[in-house]
Amino acid sequence: MRVEVLGGLERRQRWSQDDKARIVEETLAPGAKVTEVARRNGVAASLVFTWRRQARTSEQVAPSFTPVQIAAVAASAEETPKLLPTVDGRVRSVA
């Protein structure tokens, strides 16, 4: 019995976020066809469609965090918070 080990390129290519974004942006140009952009970049069209869907949903799903520093504040009579009147149309109760 003979066993041969094939050494070659990895079948799957890892795409960086920058490359994905660039390719998706190309498909958003007026008159651009996803299949042509995919072929030009050596990517399967189905993968480009997946990246486009992920780009649309990632804006809604991915939270962004900002560092916050909490400091104690001494409350005085002058610094009492001002509340909106209850008759304000912008305020409504949520069940």
PDB file of N, CA and C in Angstrom:
ATOM      1  N   MET A   1       0.849  -1.179   0.000  1.00  0.00           N
ATOM      2  CA  MET A   1       0.000   0.000   0.000  1.00  0.00           C
ATOM      3  C   MET A   1       0.889   1.234   0.000  1.00  0.00           C
ATOM      4  N   ARG A   2       0.549   2.200  -0.810  1.00  0.00           N
ATOM      5  CA  ARG A   2       1.338   3.420  -0.933  1.00  0.00           C
ATOM      6  C   ARG A   2       0.488   4.611  -0.516  1.00  0.00           C
ATOM      7  N   VAL A   3       1.042   5.468   0.344  1.00  0.00           N
ATOM      8  CA  VAL A   3       0.346   6.654   0.795  1.00  0.00           C
ATOM      9  C   VAL A   3       1.097   7.868   0.291  1.00  0.00           C
ATOM     10  N   GLU A   4       0.382   8.781  -0.320  1.00  0.00           N
ATOM     11  CA  GLU A   4       1.005   9.988  -0.844  1.00  0.00           C
ATOM     12  C   GLU A   4       0.390  11.199  -0.152  1.00  0.00           C
ATOM     13  N   VAL A   5       1.249  12.060   0.380  1.00  0.00           N
ATOM     14  CA  VAL A   5       0.782  13.265   1.051  1.00  0.00           C
ATOM     15  C   VAL A   5       0.907  14.418   0.073  1.00  0.00           C
ATOM     16  N   LEU A   6      -0.196  15.064  -0.176  1.00  0.00           N
ATOM     17  CA  LEU A   6      -0.198  16.183  -1.103  1.00  0.00           C
ATOM     18  C   LEU A   6       0.012  17.469  -0.325  1.00  0.00           C
ATOM     19  N   GLY A   7       1.010  18.194  -0.689  1.00  0.00           N
ATOM     20  CA  GLY A   7       1.248  19.496  -0.061  1.00  0.00           C
ATOM     21  C   GLY A   7       0.913  20.582  -1.061  1.00  0.00           C
ATOM     22  N   GLY A   8      -0.024  21.368  -0.734  1.00  0.00           N
ATOM     23  CA  GLY A   8      -0.428  22.412  -1.657  1.00  0.00           C
ATOM     24  C   GLY A   8      -1.039  23.567  -0.906  1.00  0.00           C
ATOM     25  N   LEU A   9      -1.635  24.440  -1.661  1.00  0.00           N
ATOM     26  CA  LEU A   9      -2.284  25.584  -1.057  1.00  0.00           C
ATOM     27  C   LEU A   9      -3.532  25.152  -0.309  1.00  0.00           C
ATOM     28  N   GLU A  10      -3.824  25.870   0.733  1.00  0.00           N
ATOM     29  CA  GLU A  10      -5.044  25.611   1.480  1.00  0.00           C
ATOM     30  C   GLU A  10      -6.232  25.976   0.600  1.00  0.00           C
ATOM     31  N   ARG A  11      -7.241  25.147   0.609  1.00  0.00           N
ATOM     32  CA  ARG A  11      -8.392  25.376  -0.265  1.00  0.00           C
ATOM     33  C   ARG A  11      -9.161  26.635   0.131  1.00  0.00           C
ATOM     34  N   ARG A  12      -9.302  26.864   1.426  1.00  0.00           N
ATOM     35  CA  ARG A  12     -10.033  28.038   1.881  1.00  0.00           C
ATOM     36  C   ARG A  12      -9.099  29.218   2.044  1.00  0.00           C
ATOM     37  N   GLN A  13      -9.542  30.333   1.549  1.00  0.00           N
ATOM     38  CA  GLN A  13      -8.752  31.547   1.702  1.00  0.00           C
ATOM     39  C   GLN A  13      -9.378  32.380   2.809  1.00  0.00           C
ATOM     40  N   ARG A  14      -8.553  32.928   3.665  1.00  0.00           N
ATOM     41  CA  ARG A  14      -9.034  33.786   4.740  1.00  0.00           C
ATOM     42  C   ARG A  14      -9.030  35.219   4.242  1.00  0.00           C
ATOM     43  N   TRP A  15     -10.188  35.873   4.281  1.00  0.00           N
ATOM     44  CA  TRP A  15     -10.316  37.240   3.801  1.00  0.00           C
ATOM     45  C   TRP A  15     -10.304  38.186   4.991  1.00  0.00           C
ATOM     46  N   SER A  16      -9.542  39.240   4.893  1.00  0.00           N
ATOM     47  CA  SER A  16      -9.506  40.232   5.968  1.00  0.00           C
ATOM     48  C   SER A  16     -10.779  41.071   5.900  1.00  0.00           C
ATOM     49  N   GLN A  17     -11.100  41.737   7.002  1.00  0.00           N
ATOM     50  CA  GLN A  17     -12.283  42.593   7.037  1.00  0.00           C
ATOM     51  C   GLN A  17     -12.167  43.722   6.008  1.00  0.00           C
ATOM     52  N   ASP A  18     -10.940  44.228   5.812  1.00  0.00           N
ATOM     53  CA  ASP A  18     -10.731  45.296   4.827  1.00  0.00           C
ATOM     54  C   ASP A  18     -11.021  44.810   3.410  1.00  0.00           C
ATOM     55  N   ASP A  19     -10.563  43.587   3.084  1.00  0.00           N
ATOM     56  CA  ASP A  19     -10.820  43.035   1.752  1.00  0.00           C
ATOM     57  C   ASP A  19     -12.317  42.812   1.539  1.00  0.00           C
ATOM     58  N   LYS A  20     -12.986  42.275   2.557  1.00  0.00           N
ATOM     59  CA  LYS A  20     -14.428  42.043   2.447  1.00  0.00           C
ATOM     60  C   LYS A  20     -15.161  43.365   2.219  1.00  0.00           C
ATOM     61  N   ALA A  21     -14.796  44.380   3.002  1.00  0.00           N
ATOM     62  CA  ALA A  21     -15.453  45.684   2.878  1.00  0.00           C
ATOM     63  C   ALA A  21     -15.212  46.281   1.503  1.00  0.00           C
ATOM     64  N   ARG A  22     -13.983  46.154   0.991  1.00  0.00           N
ATOM     65  CA  ARG A  22     -13.665  46.700  -0.333  1.00  0.00           C
ATOM     66  C   ARG A  22     -14.486  46.017  -1.415  1.00  0.00           C
ATOM     67  N   ILE A  23     -14.599  44.691  -1.342  1.00  0.00           N
ATOM     68  CA  ILE A  23     -15.344  43.941  -2.351  1.00  0.00           C
ATOM     69  C   ILE A  23     -16.835  44.273  -2.269  1.00  0.00           C
ATOM     70  N   VAL A  24     -17.370  44.370  -1.050  1.00  0.00           N
ATOM     71  CA  VAL A  24     -18.785  44.717  -0.888  1.00  0.00           C
ATOM     72  C   VAL A  24     -19.043  46.118  -1.421  1.00  0.00           C
ATOM     73  N   GLU A  25     -18.137  47.053  -1.163  1.00  0.00           N
ATOM     74  CA  GLU A  25     -18.299  48.419  -1.678  1.00  0.00           C
ATOM     75  C   GLU A  25     -18.305  48.437  -3.199  1.00  0.00           C
ATOM     76  N   GLU A  26     -17.471  47.580  -3.816  1.00  0.00           N
ATOM     77  CA  GLU A  26     -17.466  47.497  -5.283  1.00  0.00           C
ATOM     78  C   GLU A  26     -18.830  47.080  -5.812  1.00  0.00           C
ATOM     79  N   THR A  27     -19.504  46.178  -5.098  1.00  0.00           N
ATOM     80  CA  THR A  27     -20.801  45.695  -5.573  1.00  0.00           C
ATOM     81  C   THR A  27     -21.899  46.737  -5.406  1.00  0.00           C
ATOM     82  N   LEU A  28     -21.674  47.732  -4.557  1.00  0.00           N
ATOM     83  CA  LEU A  28     -22.691  48.755  -4.316  1.00  0.00           C
ATOM     84  C   LEU A  28     -22.618  49.910  -5.312  1.00  0.00           C
ATOM     85  N   ALA A  29     -21.604  49.920  -6.168  1.00  0.00           N
ATOM     86  CA  ALA A  29     -21.474  50.978  -7.171  1.00  0.00           C
ATOM     87  C   ALA A  29     -22.607  50.846  -8.190  1.00  0.00           C
ATOM     88  N   PRO A  30     -23.095  51.972  -8.708  1.00  0.00           N
ATOM     89  CA  PRO A  30     -24.174  51.912  -9.706  1.00  0.00           C
ATOM     90  C   PRO A  30     -23.746  51.094 -10.923  1.00  0.00           C
ATOM     91  N   GLY A  31     -24.592  50.151 -11.305  1.00  0.00           N
ATOM     92  CA  GLY A  31     -24.332  49.327 -12.478  1.00  0.00           C
ATOM     93  C   GLY A  31     -23.425  48.134 -12.229  1.00  0.00           C
ATOM     94  N   ALA A  32     -22.925  47.973 -11.023  1.00  0.00           N
ATOM     95  CA  ALA A  32     -22.034  46.851 -10.721  1.00  0.00           C
ATOM     96  C   ALA A  32     -22.836  45.563 -10.593  1.00  0.00           C
ATOM     97  N   LYS A  33     -22.253  44.471 -11.061  1.00  0.00           N
ATOM     98  CA  LYS A  33     -22.881  43.163 -10.946  1.00  0.00           C
ATOM     99  C   LYS A  33     -22.050  42.326  -9.966  1.00  0.00           C
ATOM    100  N   VAL A  34     -22.728  41.724  -9.025  1.00  0.00           N
ATOM    101  CA  VAL A  34     -22.045  40.964  -7.976  1.00  0.00           C
ATOM    102  C   VAL A  34     -21.209  39.841  -8.578  1.00  0.00           C
ATOM    103  N   THR A  35     -21.743  39.154  -9.574  1.00  0.00           N
ATOM    104  CA  THR A  35     -21.006  38.040 -10.163  1.00  0.00           C
ATOM    105  C   THR A  35     -19.712  38.497 -10.828  1.00  0.00           C
ATOM    106  N   GLU A  36     -19.748  39.648 -11.490  1.00  0.00           N
ATOM    107  CA  GLU A  36     -18.538  40.163 -12.137  1.00  0.00           C
ATOM    108  C   GLU A  36     -17.498  40.603 -11.115  1.00  0.00           C
ATOM    109  N   VAL A  37     -17.949  41.269 -10.041  1.00  0.00           N
ATOM    110  CA  VAL A  37     -17.027  41.705  -8.992  1.00  0.00           C
ATOM    111  C   VAL A  37     -16.414  40.487  -8.315  1.00  0.00           C
ATOM    112  N   ALA A  38     -17.230  39.478  -8.056  1.00  0.00           N
ATOM    113  CA  ALA A  38     -16.738  38.259  -7.410  1.00  0.00           C
ATOM    114  C   ALA A  38     -15.709  37.561  -8.289  1.00  0.00           C
ATOM    115  N   ARG A  39     -16.017  37.428  -9.568  1.00  0.00           N
ATOM    116  CA  ARG A  39     -15.090  36.759 -10.493  1.00  0.00           C
ATOM    117  C   ARG A  39     -13.773  37.515 -10.585  1.00  0.00           C
ATOM    118  N   ARG A  40     -13.844  38.837 -10.643  1.00  0.00           N
ATOM    119  CA  ARG A  40     -12.643  39.666 -10.752  1.00  0.00           C
ATOM    120  C   ARG A  40     -11.740  39.514  -9.517  1.00  0.00           C
ATOM    121  N   ASN A  41     -12.350  39.277  -8.348  1.00  0.00           N
ATOM    122  CA  ASN A  41     -11.587  39.157  -7.107  1.00  0.00           C
ATOM    123  C   ASN A  41     -11.318  37.710  -6.692  1.00  0.00           C
ATOM    124  N   GLY A  42     -11.770  36.752  -7.503  1.00  0.00           N
ATOM    125  CA  GLY A  42     -11.517  35.344  -7.200  1.00  0.00           C
ATOM    126  C   GLY A  42     -12.319  34.832  -6.016  1.00  0.00           C
ATOM    127  N   VAL A  43     -13.558  35.303  -5.898  1.00  0.00           N
ATOM    128  CA  VAL A  43     -14.434  34.924  -4.787  1.00  0.00           C
ATOM    129  C   VAL A  43     -15.715  34.346  -5.364  1.00  0.00           C
ATOM    130  N   ALA A  44     -16.307  33.394  -4.671  1.00  0.00           N
ATOM    131  CA  ALA A  44     -17.601  32.864  -5.089  1.00  0.00           C
ATOM    132  C   ALA A  44     -18.664  33.938  -4.888  1.00  0.00           C
ATOM    133  N   ALA A  45     -19.564  34.062  -5.845  1.00  0.00           N
ATOM    134  CA  ALA A  45     -20.615  35.083  -5.774  1.00  0.00           C
ATOM    135  C   ALA A  45     -21.481  34.880  -4.532  1.00  0.00           C
ATOM    136  N   SER A  46     -21.724  33.626  -4.164  1.00  0.00           N
ATOM    137  CA  SER A  46     -22.552  33.362  -2.981  1.00  0.00           C
ATOM    138  C   SER A  46     -21.887  33.913  -1.717  1.00  0.00           C
ATOM    139  N   LEU A  47     -20.565  33.865  -1.675  1.00  0.00           N
ATOM    140  CA  LEU A  47     -19.840  34.402  -0.521  1.00  0.00           C
ATOM    141  C   LEU A  47     -19.963  35.921  -0.464  1.00  0.00           C
ATOM    142  N   VAL A  48     -19.929  36.564  -1.623  1.00  0.00           N
ATOM    143  CA  VAL A  48     -20.082  38.024  -1.668  1.00  0.00           C
ATOM    144  C   VAL A  48     -21.491  38.415  -1.211  1.00  0.00           C
ATOM    145  N   PHE A  49     -22.496  37.650  -1.621  1.00  0.00           N
ATOM    146  CA  PHE A  49     -23.859  37.926  -1.162  1.00  0.00           C
ATOM    147  C   PHE A  49     -23.955  37.762   0.356  1.00  0.00           C
ATOM    148  N   THR A  50     -23.266  36.768   0.901  1.00  0.00           N
ATOM    149  CA  THR A  50     -23.245  36.575   2.354  1.00  0.00           C
ATOM    150  C   THR A  50     -22.600  37.762   3.039  1.00  0.00           C
ATOM    151  N   TRP A  51     -21.486  38.248   2.506  1.00  0.00           N
ATOM    152  CA  TRP A  51     -20.803  39.412   3.086  1.00  0.00           C
ATOM    153  C   TRP A  51     -21.699  40.643   3.037  1.00  0.00           C
ATOM    154  N   ARG A  52     -22.443  40.807   1.951  1.00  0.00           N
ATOM    155  CA  ARG A  52     -23.350  41.959   1.838  1.00  0.00           C
ATOM    156  C   ARG A  52     -24.433  41.887   2.909  1.00  0.00           C
ATOM    157  N   ARG A  53     -25.004  40.687   3.106  1.00  0.00           N
ATOM    158  CA  ARG A  53     -26.044  40.515   4.127  1.00  0.00           C
ATOM    159  C   ARG A  53     -25.473  40.785   5.517  1.00  0.00           C
ATOM    160  N   GLN A  54     -24.274  40.283   5.786  1.00  0.00           N
ATOM    161  CA  GLN A  54     -23.638  40.515   7.081  1.00  0.00           C
ATOM    162  C   GLN A  54     -23.350  41.998   7.295  1.00  0.00           C
ATOM    163  N   ALA A  55     -22.961  42.698   6.246  1.00  0.00           N
ATOM    164  CA  ALA A  55     -22.681  44.129   6.362  1.00  0.00           C
ATOM    165  C   ALA A  55     -23.951  44.903   6.691  1.00  0.00           C
ATOM    166  N   ARG A  56     -25.074  44.491   6.105  1.00  0.00           N
ATOM    167  CA  ARG A  56     -26.355  45.153   6.395  1.00  0.00           C
ATOM    168  C   ARG A  56     -26.785  44.922   7.828  1.00  0.00           C
ATOM    169  N   THR A  57     -26.657  43.702   8.317  1.00  0.00           N
ATOM    170  CA  THR A  57     -27.146  43.375   9.654  1.00  0.00           C
ATOM    171  C   THR A  57     -26.152  43.744  10.747  1.00  0.00           C
ATOM    172  N   SER A  58     -24.876  43.828  10.428  1.00  0.00           N
ATOM    173  CA  SER A  58     -23.882  44.116  11.472  1.00  0.00           C
ATOM    174  C   SER A  58     -24.035  45.529  12.006  1.00  0.00           C
ATOM    175  N   GLU A  59     -24.540  46.450  11.198  1.00  0.00           N
ATOM    176  CA  GLU A  59     -24.748  47.820  11.661  1.00  0.00           C
ATOM    177  C   GLU A  59     -25.809  47.861  12.747  1.00  0.00           C
ATOM    178  N   GLN A  60     -26.773  46.950  12.682  1.00  0.00           N
ATOM    179  CA  GLN A  60     -27.851  46.930  13.652  1.00  0.00           C
ATOM    180  C   GLN A  60     -27.515  46.077  14.863  1.00  0.00           C
ATOM    181  N   VAL A  61     -26.692  45.047  14.692  1.00  0.00           N
ATOM    182  CA  VAL A  61     -26.441  44.078  15.749  1.00  0.00           C
ATOM    183  C   VAL A  61     -25.233  44.439  16.597  1.00  0.00           C
ATOM    184  N   ALA A  62     -24.166  44.857  15.977  1.00  0.00           N
ATOM    185  CA  ALA A  62     -22.912  45.054  16.703  1.00  0.00           C
ATOM    186  C   ALA A  62     -22.971  46.303  17.582  1.00  0.00           C
ATOM    187  N   PRO A  63     -22.868  46.115  18.882  1.00  0.00           N
ATOM    188  CA  PRO A  63     -22.866  47.288  19.763  1.00  0.00           C
ATOM    189  C   PRO A  63     -21.486  47.936  19.773  1.00  0.00           C
ATOM    190  N   SER A  64     -21.475  49.208  20.000  1.00  0.00           N
ATOM    191  CA  SER A  64     -20.189  49.869  20.169  1.00  0.00           C
ATOM    192  C   SER A  64     -20.135  50.381  21.601  1.00  0.00           C
ATOM    193  N   PHE A  65     -18.996  50.225  22.222  1.00  0.00           N
ATOM    194  CA  PHE A  65     -18.837  50.596  23.612  1.00  0.00           C
ATOM    195  C   PHE A  65     -17.914  51.794  23.726  1.00  0.00           C
ATOM    196  N   THR A  66     -18.215  52.645  24.682  1.00  0.00           N
ATOM    197  CA  THR A  66     -17.412  53.819  24.959  1.00  0.00           C
ATOM    198  C   THR A  66     -17.030  53.779  26.429  1.00  0.00           C
ATOM    199  N   PRO A  67     -15.771  54.032  26.741  1.00  0.00           N
ATOM    200  CA  PRO A  67     -15.387  54.013  28.151  1.00  0.00           C
ATOM    201  C   PRO A  67     -16.100  55.127  28.923  1.00  0.00           C
ATOM    202  N   VAL A  68     -16.534  54.797  30.114  1.00  0.00           N
ATOM    203  CA  VAL A  68     -17.264  55.736  30.956  1.00  0.00           C
ATOM    204  C   VAL A  68     -16.592  55.799  32.310  1.00  0.00           C
ATOM    205  N   GLN A  69     -16.497  56.994  32.844  1.00  0.00           N
ATOM    206  CA  GLN A  69     -15.948  57.161  34.186  1.00  0.00           C
ATOM    207  C   GLN A  69     -17.066  57.709  35.064  1.00  0.00           C
ATOM    208  N   ILE A  70     -17.340  57.008  36.169  1.00  0.00           N
ATOM    209  CA  ILE A  70     -18.407  57.419  37.066  1.00  0.00           C
ATOM    210  C   ILE A  70     -17.783  58.103  38.269  1.00  0.00           C
ATOM    211  N   ALA A  71     -18.259  59.294  38.554  1.00  0.00           N
ATOM    212  CA  ALA A  71     -17.743  60.047  39.688  1.00  0.00           C
ATOM    213  C   ALA A  71     -18.900  60.407  40.607  1.00  0.00           C
ATOM    214  N   ALA A  72     -18.623  60.424  41.898  1.00  0.00           N
ATOM    215  CA  ALA A  72     -19.652  60.795  42.864  1.00  0.00           C
ATOM    216  C   ALA A  72     -19.863  62.301  42.805  1.00  0.00           C
ATOM    217  N   VAL A  73     -21.141  62.715  42.855  1.00  0.00           N
ATOM    218  CA  VAL A  73     -21.482  64.123  42.799  1.00  0.00           C
ATOM    219  C   VAL A  73     -22.313  64.446  44.029  1.00  0.00           C
ATOM    220  N   ALA A  74     -21.944  65.482  44.723  1.00  0.00           N
ATOM    221  CA  ALA A  74     -22.718  65.914  45.886  1.00  0.00           C
ATOM    222  C   ALA A  74     -23.946  66.652  45.399  1.00  0.00           C
ATOM    223  N   ALA A  75     -25.115  66.226  45.841  1.00  0.00           N
ATOM    224  CA  ALA A  75     -26.361  66.848  45.413  1.00  0.00           C
ATOM    225  C   ALA A  75     -26.651  68.057  46.295  1.00  0.00           C
ATOM    226  N   SER A  76     -26.983  69.142  45.667  1.00  0.00           N
ATOM    227  CA  SER A  76     -27.382  70.334  46.405  1.00  0.00           C
ATOM    228  C   SER A  76     -28.742  70.765  45.898  1.00  0.00           C
ATOM    229  N   ALA A  77     -29.341  71.708  46.560  1.00  0.00           N
ATOM    230  CA  ALA A  77     -30.679  72.177  46.178  1.00  0.00           C
ATOM    231  C   ALA A  77     -30.661  72.806  44.794  1.00  0.00           C
ATOM    232  N   GLU A  78     -29.559  73.441  44.417  1.00  0.00           N
ATOM    233  CA  GLU A  78     -29.468  74.096  43.104  1.00  0.00           C
ATOM    234  C   GLU A  78     -29.285  73.099  41.978  1.00  0.00           C
ATOM    235  N   GLU A  79     -28.756  71.934  42.259  1.00  0.00           N
ATOM    236  CA  GLU A  79     -28.435  70.957  41.221  1.00  0.00           C
ATOM    237  C   GLU A  79     -29.464  69.845  41.116  1.00  0.00           C
ATOM    238  N   THR A  80     -30.658  70.045  41.575  1.00  0.00           N
ATOM    239  CA  THR A  80     -31.670  69.003  41.460  1.00  0.00           C
ATOM    240  C   THR A  80     -32.027  68.818  39.991  1.00  0.00           C
ATOM    241  N   PRO A  81     -32.198  67.573  39.570  1.00  0.00           N
ATOM    242  CA  PRO A  81     -32.498  67.332  38.160  1.00  0.00           C
ATOM    243  C   PRO A  81     -33.857  67.892  37.783  1.00  0.00           C
ATOM    244  N   LYS A  82     -33.961  68.386  36.576  1.00  0.00           N
ATOM    245  CA  LYS A  82     -35.217  68.940  36.074  1.00  0.00           C
ATOM    246  C   LYS A  82     -35.943  67.841  35.307  1.00  0.00           C
ATOM    247  N   LEU A  83     -37.165  67.599  35.677  1.00  0.00           N
ATOM    248  CA  LEU A  83     -37.961  66.563  35.035  1.00  0.00           C
ATOM    249  C   LEU A  83     -38.904  67.200  34.028  1.00  0.00           C
ATOM    250  N   LEU A  84     -39.213  66.464  32.983  1.00  0.00           N
ATOM    251  CA  LEU A  84     -40.164  66.948  31.990  1.00  0.00           C
ATOM    252  C   LEU A  84     -41.568  66.897  32.579  1.00  0.00           C
ATOM    253  N   PRO A  85     -42.425  67.833  32.205  1.00  0.00           N
ATOM    254  CA  PRO A  85     -43.808  67.772  32.692  1.00  0.00           C
ATOM    255  C   PRO A  85     -44.499  66.515  32.173  1.00  0.00           C
ATOM    256  N   THR A  86     -45.419  65.998  32.948  1.00  0.00           N
ATOM    257  CA  THR A  86     -46.085  64.751  32.559  1.00  0.00           C
ATOM    258  C   THR A  86     -47.014  64.939  31.368  1.00  0.00           C
ATOM    259  N   VAL A  87     -47.407  66.166  31.072  1.00  0.00           N
ATOM    260  CA  VAL A  87     -48.293  66.409  29.927  1.00  0.00           C
ATOM    261  C   VAL A  87     -47.508  66.594  28.634  1.00  0.00           C
ATOM    262  N   ASP A  88     -46.196  66.513  28.715  1.00  0.00           N
ATOM    263  CA  ASP A  88     -45.359  66.662  27.525  1.00  0.00           C
ATOM    264  C   ASP A  88     -45.691  65.534  26.543  1.00  0.00           C
ATOM    265  N   GLY A  89     -45.906  65.845  25.277  1.00  0.00           N
ATOM    266  CA  GLY A  89     -46.265  64.852  24.267  1.00  0.00           C
ATOM    267  C   GLY A  89     -45.138  63.888  23.946  1.00  0.00           C
ATOM    268  N   ARG A  90     -43.921  64.243  24.283  1.00  0.00           N
ATOM    269  CA  ARG A  90     -42.791  63.377  24.002  1.00  0.00           C
ATOM    270  C   ARG A  90     -42.647  62.230  24.990  1.00  0.00           C
ATOM    271  N   VAL A  91     -43.298  62.355  26.143  1.00  0.00           N
ATOM    272  CA  VAL A  91     -43.175  61.355  27.191  1.00  0.00           C
ATOM    273  C   VAL A  91     -44.444  60.530  27.229  1.00  0.00           C
ATOM    274  N   ARG A  92     -44.309  59.226  27.211  1.00  0.00           N
ATOM    275  CA  ARG A  92     -45.474  58.375  27.363  1.00  0.00           C
ATOM    276  C   ARG A  92     -45.050  57.128  28.127  1.00  0.00           C
ATOM    277  N   SER A  93     -45.987  56.534  28.824  1.00  0.00           N
ATOM    278  CA  SER A  93     -45.672  55.350  29.619  1.00  0.00           C
ATOM    279  C   SER A  93     -45.657  54.140  28.721  1.00  0.00           C
ATOM    280  N   VAL A  94     -44.808  53.201  29.077  1.00  0.00           N
ATOM    281  CA  VAL A  94     -44.672  51.964  28.311  1.00  0.00           C
ATOM    282  C   VAL A  94     -45.113  50.829  29.209  1.00  0.00           C
ATOM    283  N   ALA A  95     -45.994  49.994  28.708  1.00  0.00           N
ATOM    284  CA  ALA A  95     -46.498  48.883  29.519  1.00  0.00           C
ATOM    285  C   ALA A  95     -45.452  47.820  29.701  1.00  0.00           C
TER     286      ALA A  95
END
